[in-house]
Amino acid sequence: MKFINYLESITGVAIYPLVSLIIFFTFFIAVGVYVFKSKKEYFDYLKNIPINNQD
């Protein structure tokens, strides 16, 4: 028996791809907003962390 036959027997299985797509794009948009709203100085600080290690 093929895997698709198991999926067809589940009630409401068509909603799962749509929900996962919505979650993916919501996360992608949230990360994009975070990156564009953050200050450049913060990313410069993060970029230089390995260089500024005082250990």
PDB file of N, CA and C in Angstrom:
ATOM      1  N   MET A   1       0.846  -1.183   0.000  1.00  0.00           N
ATOM      2  CA  MET A   1       0.000   0.000   0.000  1.00  0.00           C
ATOM      3  C   MET A   1       0.890   1.245   0.000  1.00  0.00           C
ATOM      4  N   LYS A   2       0.517   2.193  -0.811  1.00  0.00           N
ATOM      5  CA  LYS A   2       1.304   3.412  -0.916  1.00  0.00           C
ATOM      6  C   LYS A   2       0.995   4.359   0.240  1.00  0.00           C
ATOM      7  N   PHE A   3       1.956   5.231   0.503  1.00  0.00           N
ATOM      8  CA  PHE A   3       1.821   6.198   1.600  1.00  0.00           C
ATOM      9  C   PHE A   3       0.644   7.135   1.382  1.00  0.00           C
ATOM     10  N   ILE A   4       0.368   7.483   0.124  1.00  0.00           N
ATOM     11  CA  ILE A   4      -0.730   8.416  -0.171  1.00  0.00           C
ATOM     12  C   ILE A   4      -2.074   7.826   0.235  1.00  0.00           C
ATOM     13  N   ASN A   5      -2.186   6.518   0.195  1.00  0.00           N
ATOM     14  CA  ASN A   5      -3.440   5.884   0.600  1.00  0.00           C
ATOM     15  C   ASN A   5      -3.690   6.076   2.093  1.00  0.00           C
ATOM     16  N   TYR A   6      -2.633   6.072   2.883  1.00  0.00           N
ATOM     17  CA  TYR A   6      -2.797   6.320   4.311  1.00  0.00           C
ATOM     18  C   TYR A   6      -3.235   7.755   4.567  1.00  0.00           C
ATOM     19  N   LEU A   7      -2.655   8.687   3.815  1.00  0.00           N
ATOM     20  CA  LEU A   7      -3.013  10.093   3.996  1.00  0.00           C
ATOM     21  C   LEU A   7      -4.447  10.378   3.578  1.00  0.00           C
ATOM     22  N   GLU A   8      -4.911   9.720   2.530  1.00  0.00           N
ATOM     23  CA  GLU A   8      -6.280   9.937   2.070  1.00  0.00           C
ATOM     24  C   GLU A   8      -7.304   9.431   3.064  1.00  0.00           C
ATOM     25  N   SER A   9      -6.919   8.503   3.907  1.00  0.00           N
ATOM     26  CA  SER A   9      -7.870   7.962   4.877  1.00  0.00           C
ATOM     27  C   SER A   9      -8.018   8.850   6.109  1.00  0.00           C
ATOM     28  N   ILE A  10      -7.151   9.851   6.287  1.00  0.00           N
ATOM     29  CA  ILE A  10      -7.224  10.758   7.431  1.00  0.00           C
ATOM     30  C   ILE A  10      -8.222  11.870   7.117  1.00  0.00           C
ATOM     31  N   THR A  11      -9.143  12.087   8.008  1.00  0.00           N
ATOM     32  CA  THR A  11     -10.144  13.131   7.820  1.00  0.00           C
ATOM     33  C   THR A  11      -9.501  14.502   8.008  1.00  0.00           C
ATOM     34  N   GLY A  12      -9.708  15.407   7.073  1.00  0.00           N
ATOM     35  CA  GLY A  12      -9.205  16.765   7.174  1.00  0.00           C
ATOM     36  C   GLY A  12      -7.726  16.901   6.916  1.00  0.00           C
ATOM     37  N   VAL A  13      -7.123  15.973   6.200  1.00  0.00           N
ATOM     38  CA  VAL A  13      -5.685  16.009   5.967  1.00  0.00           C
ATOM     39  C   VAL A  13      -5.289  17.155   5.041  1.00  0.00           C
ATOM     40  N   ALA A  14      -6.195  17.688   4.272  1.00  0.00           N
ATOM     41  CA  ALA A  14      -5.873  18.757   3.317  1.00  0.00           C
ATOM     42  C   ALA A  14      -5.517  20.065   4.001  1.00  0.00           C
ATOM     43  N   ILE A  15      -5.876  20.233   5.258  1.00  0.00           N
ATOM     44  CA  ILE A  15      -5.607  21.479   5.970  1.00  0.00           C
ATOM     45  C   ILE A  15      -4.152  21.565   6.431  1.00  0.00           C
ATOM     46  N   TYR A  16      -3.474  20.451   6.627  1.00  0.00           N
ATOM     47  CA  TYR A  16      -2.107  20.454   7.149  1.00  0.00           C
ATOM     48  C   TYR A  16      -1.102  21.174   6.245  1.00  0.00           C
ATOM     49  N   PRO A  17      -1.121  20.951   4.927  1.00  0.00           N
ATOM     50  CA  PRO A  17      -0.178  21.712   4.091  1.00  0.00           C
ATOM     51  C   PRO A  17      -0.437  23.217   4.137  1.00  0.00           C
ATOM     52  N   LEU A  18      -1.691  23.605   4.199  1.00  0.00           N
ATOM     53  CA  LEU A  18      -2.020  25.026   4.257  1.00  0.00           C
ATOM     54  C   LEU A  18      -1.561  25.642   5.573  1.00  0.00           C
ATOM     55  N   VAL A  19      -1.757  24.951   6.669  1.00  0.00           N
ATOM     56  CA  VAL A  19      -1.326  25.458   7.974  1.00  0.00           C
ATOM     57  C   VAL A  19       0.194  25.565   8.027  1.00  0.00           C
ATOM     58  N   SER A  20       0.886  24.569   7.517  1.00  0.00           N
ATOM     59  CA  SER A  20       2.354  24.618   7.542  1.00  0.00           C
ATOM     60  C   SER A  20       2.878  25.746   6.655  1.00  0.00           C
ATOM     61  N   LEU A  21       2.233  26.007   5.526  1.00  0.00           N
ATOM     62  CA  LEU A  21       2.628  27.106   4.663  1.00  0.00           C
ATOM     63  C   LEU A  21       2.417  28.451   5.359  1.00  0.00           C
ATOM     64  N   ILE A  22       1.318  28.609   6.045  1.00  0.00           N
ATOM     65  CA  ILE A  22       1.036  29.843   6.775  1.00  0.00           C
ATOM     66  C   ILE A  22       2.048  30.048   7.892  1.00  0.00           C
ATOM     67  N   ILE A  23       2.378  28.994   8.634  1.00  0.00           N
ATOM     68  CA  ILE A  23       3.370  29.101   9.703  1.00  0.00           C
ATOM     69  C   ILE A  23       4.733  29.482   9.129  1.00  0.00           C
ATOM     70  N   PHE A  24       5.133  28.869   8.022  1.00  0.00           N
ATOM     71  CA  PHE A  24       6.417  29.169   7.392  1.00  0.00           C
ATOM     72  C   PHE A  24       6.493  30.632   6.984  1.00  0.00           C
ATOM     73  N   PHE A  25       5.478  31.131   6.273  1.00  0.00           N
ATOM     74  CA  PHE A  25       5.521  32.511   5.806  1.00  0.00           C
ATOM     75  C   PHE A  25       5.401  33.504   6.954  1.00  0.00           C
ATOM     76  N   THR A  26       4.654  33.169   7.989  1.00  0.00           N
ATOM     77  CA  THR A  26       4.573  34.046   9.154  1.00  0.00           C
ATOM     78  C   THR A  26       5.933  34.169   9.819  1.00  0.00           C
ATOM     79  N   PHE A  27       6.629  33.066   9.983  1.00  0.00           N
ATOM     80  CA  PHE A  27       7.966  33.091  10.574  1.00  0.00           C
ATOM     81  C   PHE A  27       8.934  33.864   9.680  1.00  0.00           C
ATOM     82  N   PHE A  28       8.879  33.630   8.370  1.00  0.00           N
ATOM     83  CA  PHE A  28       9.760  34.302   7.425  1.00  0.00           C
ATOM     84  C   PHE A  28       9.541  35.815   7.450  1.00  0.00           C
ATOM     85  N   ILE A  29       8.305  36.238   7.478  1.00  0.00           N
ATOM     86  CA  ILE A  29       7.984  37.661   7.520  1.00  0.00           C
ATOM     87  C   ILE A  29       8.410  38.264   8.856  1.00  0.00           C
ATOM     88  N   ALA A  30       8.205  37.534   9.963  1.00  0.00           N
ATOM     89  CA  ALA A  30       8.606  38.036  11.278  1.00  0.00           C
ATOM     90  C   ALA A  30      10.117  38.225  11.355  1.00  0.00           C
ATOM     91  N   VAL A  31      10.879  37.295  10.831  1.00  0.00           N
ATOM     92  CA  VAL A  31      12.341  37.429  10.832  1.00  0.00           C
ATOM     93  C   VAL A  31      12.762  38.595   9.947  1.00  0.00           C
ATOM     94  N   GLY A  32      12.098  38.758   8.810  1.00  0.00           N
ATOM     95  CA  GLY A  32      12.408  39.881   7.936  1.00  0.00           C
ATOM     96  C   GLY A  32      12.133  41.222   8.595  1.00  0.00           C
ATOM     97  N   VAL A  33      11.012  41.322   9.291  1.00  0.00           N
ATOM     98  CA  VAL A  33      10.679  42.562  10.002  1.00  0.00           C
ATOM     99  C   VAL A  33      11.695  42.811  11.109  1.00  0.00           C
ATOM    100  N   TYR A  34      12.082  41.765  11.830  1.00  0.00           N
ATOM    101  CA  TYR A  34      13.076  41.904  12.899  1.00  0.00           C
ATOM    102  C   TYR A  34      14.401  42.423  12.347  1.00  0.00           C
ATOM    103  N   VAL A  35      14.828  41.880  11.221  1.00  0.00           N
ATOM    104  CA  VAL A  35      16.112  42.283  10.637  1.00  0.00           C
ATOM    105  C   VAL A  35      16.057  43.732  10.165  1.00  0.00           C
ATOM    106  N   PHE A  36      14.992  44.116   9.506  1.00  0.00           N
ATOM    107  CA  PHE A  36      14.915  45.469   8.972  1.00  0.00           C
ATOM    108  C   PHE A  36      14.628  46.523  10.034  1.00  0.00           C
ATOM    109  N   LYS A  37      14.024  46.127  11.158  1.00  0.00           N
ATOM    110  CA  LYS A  37      13.737  47.077  12.232  1.00  0.00           C
ATOM    111  C   LYS A  37      14.892  47.208  13.227  1.00  0.00           C
ATOM    112  N   SER A  38      15.790  46.234  13.254  1.00  0.00           N
ATOM    113  CA  SER A  38      16.899  46.269  14.200  1.00  0.00           C
ATOM    114  C   SER A  38      17.917  47.324  13.787  1.00  0.00           C
ATOM    115  N   LYS A  39      18.638  47.801  14.779  1.00  0.00           N
ATOM    116  CA  LYS A  39      19.654  48.810  14.512  1.00  0.00           C
ATOM    117  C   LYS A  39      20.905  48.165  13.936  1.00  0.00           C
ATOM    118  N   LYS A  40      21.560  48.882  13.054  1.00  0.00           N
ATOM    119  CA  LYS A  40      22.775  48.383  12.417  1.00  0.00           C
ATOM    120  C   LYS A  40      23.887  48.167  13.445  1.00  0.00           C
ATOM    121  N   GLU A  41      23.930  48.990  14.475  1.00  0.00           N
ATOM    122  CA  GLU A  41      24.966  48.859  15.497  1.00  0.00           C
ATOM    123  C   GLU A  41      24.878  47.510  16.212  1.00  0.00           C
ATOM    124  N   TYR A  42      23.669  47.004  16.408  1.00  0.00           N
ATOM    125  CA  TYR A  42      23.496  45.710  17.066  1.00  0.00           C
ATOM    126  C   TYR A  42      24.129  44.602  16.225  1.00  0.00           C
ATOM    127  N   PHE A  43      23.913  44.634  14.917  1.00  0.00           N
ATOM    128  CA  PHE A  43      24.488  43.609  14.054  1.00  0.00           C
ATOM    129  C   PHE A  43      26.000  43.772  13.934  1.00  0.00           C
ATOM    130  N   ASP A  44      26.489  45.009  13.991  1.00  0.00           N
ATOM    131  CA  ASP A  44      27.935  45.213  14.010  1.00  0.00           C
ATOM    132  C   ASP A  44      28.541  44.635  15.288  1.00  0.00           C
ATOM    133  N   TYR A  45      27.849  44.805  16.400  1.00  0.00           N
ATOM    134  CA  TYR A  45      28.305  44.220  17.668  1.00  0.00           C
ATOM    135  C   TYR A  45      28.342  42.696  17.571  1.00  0.00           C
ATOM    136  N   LEU A  46      27.290  42.095  17.028  1.00  0.00           N
ATOM    137  CA  LEU A  46      27.253  40.640  16.890  1.00  0.00           C
ATOM    138  C   LEU A  46      28.332  40.142  15.932  1.00  0.00           C
ATOM    139  N   LYS A  47      28.584  40.905  14.892  1.00  0.00           N
ATOM    140  CA  LYS A  47      29.590  40.521  13.916  1.00  0.00           C
ATOM    141  C   LYS A  47      30.986  40.488  14.541  1.00  0.00           C
ATOM    142  N   ASN A  48      31.243  41.374  15.493  1.00  0.00           N
ATOM    143  CA  ASN A  48      32.571  41.508  16.076  1.00  0.00           C
ATOM    144  C   ASN A  48      32.764  40.744  17.382  1.00  0.00           C
ATOM    145  N   ILE A  49      31.795  39.968  17.796  1.00  0.00           N
ATOM    146  CA  ILE A  49      31.906  39.212  19.053  1.00  0.00           C
ATOM    147  C   ILE A  49      33.122  38.283  19.046  1.00  0.00           C
ATOM    148  N   PRO A  50      33.349  37.482  17.994  1.00  0.00           N
ATOM    149  CA  PRO A  50      34.534  36.600  18.059  1.00  0.00           C
ATOM    150  C   PRO A  50      35.854  37.373  18.104  1.00  0.00           C
ATOM    151  N   ILE A  51      35.888  38.548  17.535  1.00  0.00           N
ATOM    152  CA  ILE A  51      37.113  39.347  17.511  1.00  0.00           C
ATOM    153  C   ILE A  51      37.360  40.002  18.867  1.00  0.00           C
ATOM    154  N   ASN A  52      36.287  40.421  19.518  1.00  0.00           N
ATOM    155  CA  ASN A  52      36.393  41.146  20.777  1.00  0.00           C
ATOM    156  C   ASN A  52      36.430  40.237  22.000  1.00  0.00           C
ATOM    157  N   ASN A  53      36.658  38.962  21.823  1.00  0.00           N
ATOM    158  CA  ASN A  53      36.685  38.023  22.932  1.00  0.00           C
ATOM    159  C   ASN A  53      37.920  38.318  23.806  1.00  0.00           C
ATOM    160  N   GLN A  54      37.713  38.591  25.082  1.00  0.00           N
ATOM    161  CA  GLN A  54      38.802  38.993  25.992  1.00  0.00           C
ATOM    162  C   GLN A  54      39.380  37.815  26.790  1.00  0.00           C
ATOM    163  N   ASP A  55      39.011  36.593  26.458  1.00  0.00           N
ATOM    164  CA  ASP A  55      39.498  35.436  27.230  1.00  0.00           C
ATOM    165  C   ASP A  55      40.926  35.129  26.980  1.00  0.00           C
TER     166      ASP A  55
END
